[in-house]
Amino acid sequence: MDTSTYVVDRQKALGRFRTLPWSWKLEAERKAMGKSIETLWRSWDASDDEFQLAYDDARSTVAGFTDAVGRHLLKSAMTCSRS
């Protein structure tokens, strides 16, 4: 995939996410994910060890963001089913 396409698609996806009425609840996770991805991009030309560390951190923070979204959606679904 072309790098510029990936960056634009990622920005569009995050922009759409931020329009959701509950997105503010996950702002800390979103910011952490963005920071770790930026660090990963900056480490592209660094040593293999530095890149691997940034890669592992990015994977972890993306997983944390995804998990937080999933927990929120599950909690919302459970709340709706009780109504």
C-alpha atoms as a PDB file:
ATOM      1  CA  MET A   1       0.000   0.000   0.000  1.00  0.00           C
ATOM      2  CA  ASP A   2       1.238   3.460  -0.833  1.00  0.00           C
ATOM      3  CA  THR A   3       2.391   5.244   2.323  1.00  0.00           C
ATOM      4  CA  SER A   4       0.524   8.452   1.509  1.00  0.00           C
ATOM      5  CA  THR A   5      -2.700   6.481   0.979  1.00  0.00           C
ATOM      6  CA  TYR A   6      -2.295   4.827   4.382  1.00  0.00           C
ATOM      7  CA  VAL A   7      -1.741   8.144   6.158  1.00  0.00           C
ATOM      8  CA  VAL A   8      -4.736   9.793   4.451  1.00  0.00           C
ATOM      9  CA  ASP A   9      -6.989   6.797   5.164  1.00  0.00           C
ATOM     10  CA  ARG A  10      -5.882   6.743   8.807  1.00  0.00           C
ATOM     11  CA  GLN A  11      -6.589  10.446   9.172  1.00  0.00           C
ATOM     12  CA  LYS A  12     -10.032  10.053   7.588  1.00  0.00           C
ATOM     13  CA  ALA A  13     -10.858   7.141   9.899  1.00  0.00           C
ATOM     14  CA  LEU A  14      -9.792   9.072  12.995  1.00  0.00           C
ATOM     15  CA  GLY A  15     -11.752  12.086  11.785  1.00  0.00           C
ATOM     16  CA  ARG A  16     -14.881   9.967  11.383  1.00  0.00           C
ATOM     17  CA  PHE A  17     -14.321   8.404  14.797  1.00  0.00           C
ATOM     18  CA  ARG A  18     -14.144  11.829  16.420  1.00  0.00           C
ATOM     19  CA  THR A  19     -17.632  12.674  15.077  1.00  0.00           C
ATOM     20  CA  LEU A  20     -19.222   9.914  17.158  1.00  0.00           C
ATOM     21  CA  PRO A  21     -21.139  11.331  20.129  1.00  0.00           C
ATOM     22  CA  TRP A  22     -19.199   9.230  22.640  1.00  0.00           C
ATOM     23  CA  SER A  23     -15.714   9.556  21.128  1.00  0.00           C
ATOM     24  CA  TRP A  24     -14.641  12.015  23.823  1.00  0.00           C
ATOM     25  CA  LYS A  25     -14.738   9.136  26.314  1.00  0.00           C
ATOM     26  CA  LEU A  26     -11.831   7.511  24.476  1.00  0.00           C
ATOM     27  CA  GLU A  27      -9.767  10.627  23.819  1.00  0.00           C
ATOM     28  CA  ALA A  28      -6.864   9.495  26.026  1.00  0.00           C
ATOM     29  CA  GLU A  29      -6.584   6.187  24.168  1.00  0.00           C
ATOM     30  CA  ARG A  30      -6.867   7.933  20.792  1.00  0.00           C
ATOM     31  CA  LYS A  31      -4.117  10.407  21.676  1.00  0.00           C
ATOM     32  CA  ALA A  32      -1.842   7.635  22.978  1.00  0.00           C
ATOM     33  CA  MET A  33      -2.396   5.668  19.772  1.00  0.00           C
ATOM     34  CA  GLY A  34      -1.644   8.689  17.599  1.00  0.00           C
ATOM     35  CA  LYS A  35       1.526   9.479  19.524  1.00  0.00           C
ATOM     36  CA  SER A  36       2.818   5.924  19.286  1.00  0.00           C
ATOM     37  CA  ILE A  37       2.109   5.761  15.540  1.00  0.00           C
ATOM     38  CA  GLU A  38       3.923   9.059  15.019  1.00  0.00           C
ATOM     39  CA  THR A  39       6.887   7.682  16.985  1.00  0.00           C
ATOM     40  CA  LEU A  40       6.837   4.581  14.790  1.00  0.00           C
ATOM     41  CA  TRP A  41       6.985   6.704  11.621  1.00  0.00           C
ATOM     42  CA  ARG A  42       9.864   8.752  13.061  1.00  0.00           C
ATOM     43  CA  SER A  43      11.800   5.585  13.887  1.00  0.00           C
ATOM     44  CA  TRP A  44      11.592   4.230  10.329  1.00  0.00           C
ATOM     45  CA  ASP A  45      15.251   5.021   9.619  1.00  0.00           C
ATOM     46  CA  ALA A  46      16.468   4.316  13.160  1.00  0.00           C
ATOM     47  CA  SER A  47      18.266   1.184  14.272  1.00  0.00           C
ATOM     48  CA  ASP A  48      16.400  -2.108  14.091  1.00  0.00           C
ATOM     49  CA  ASP A  49      16.116  -2.199  17.874  1.00  0.00           C
ATOM     50  CA  GLU A  50      14.650   1.309  18.055  1.00  0.00           C
ATOM     51  CA  PHE A  51      12.190   0.533  15.282  1.00  0.00           C
ATOM     52  CA  GLN A  52      11.136  -2.738  16.935  1.00  0.00           C
ATOM     53  CA  LEU A  53      10.546  -0.961  20.234  1.00  0.00           C
ATOM     54  CA  ALA A  54       8.404   1.685  18.510  1.00  0.00           C
ATOM     55  CA  TYR A  55       6.570  -1.016  16.551  1.00  0.00           C
ATOM     56  CA  ASP A  56       5.791  -3.007  19.694  1.00  0.00           C
ATOM     57  CA  ASP A  57       4.574   0.147  21.454  1.00  0.00           C
ATOM     58  CA  ALA A  58       2.368   1.102  18.497  1.00  0.00           C
ATOM     59  CA  ARG A  59       0.832  -2.387  18.358  1.00  0.00           C
ATOM     60  CA  SER A  60       0.144  -2.233  22.086  1.00  0.00           C
ATOM     61  CA  THR A  61      -1.481   1.192  22.014  1.00  0.00           C
ATOM     62  CA  VAL A  62      -3.574   0.368  18.934  1.00  0.00           C
ATOM     63  CA  ALA A  63      -4.735  -2.796  20.698  1.00  0.00           C
ATOM     64  CA  GLY A  64      -5.552  -0.713  23.789  1.00  0.00           C
ATOM     65  CA  PHE A  65      -7.597   1.708  21.709  1.00  0.00           C
ATOM     66  CA  THR A  66      -9.414  -1.125  19.948  1.00  0.00           C
ATOM     67  CA  ASP A  67     -10.112  -2.820  23.280  1.00  0.00           C
ATOM     68  CA  ALA A  68     -11.452   0.416  24.780  1.00  0.00           C
ATOM     69  CA  VAL A  69     -13.798   0.910  21.810  1.00  0.00           C
ATOM     70  CA  GLY A  70     -14.977  -2.693  22.110  1.00  0.00           C
ATOM     71  CA  ARG A  71     -15.624  -2.345  25.856  1.00  0.00           C
ATOM     72  CA  HIS A  72     -17.572   0.855  25.255  1.00  0.00           C
ATOM     73  CA  LEU A  73     -19.701  -0.722  22.524  1.00  0.00           C
ATOM     74  CA  LEU A  74     -20.359  -3.811  24.640  1.00  0.00           C
ATOM     75  CA  LYS A  75     -21.350  -1.679  27.620  1.00  0.00           C
ATOM     76  CA  SER A  76     -23.645   0.411  25.392  1.00  0.00           C
ATOM     77  CA  ALA A  77     -25.251  -2.721  23.924  1.00  0.00           C
ATOM     78  CA  MET A  78     -25.871  -4.149  27.380  1.00  0.00           C
ATOM     79  CA  THR A  79     -27.413  -0.882  28.529  1.00  0.00           C
ATOM     80  CA  CYS A  80     -29.698  -0.790  25.474  1.00  0.00           C
ATOM     81  CA  SER A  81     -30.803  -4.392  25.937  1.00  0.00           C
ATOM     82  CA  ARG A  82     -31.925  -3.629  29.498  1.00  0.00           C
ATOM     83  CA  SER A  83     -34.149  -0.812  28.292  1.00  0.00           C
END
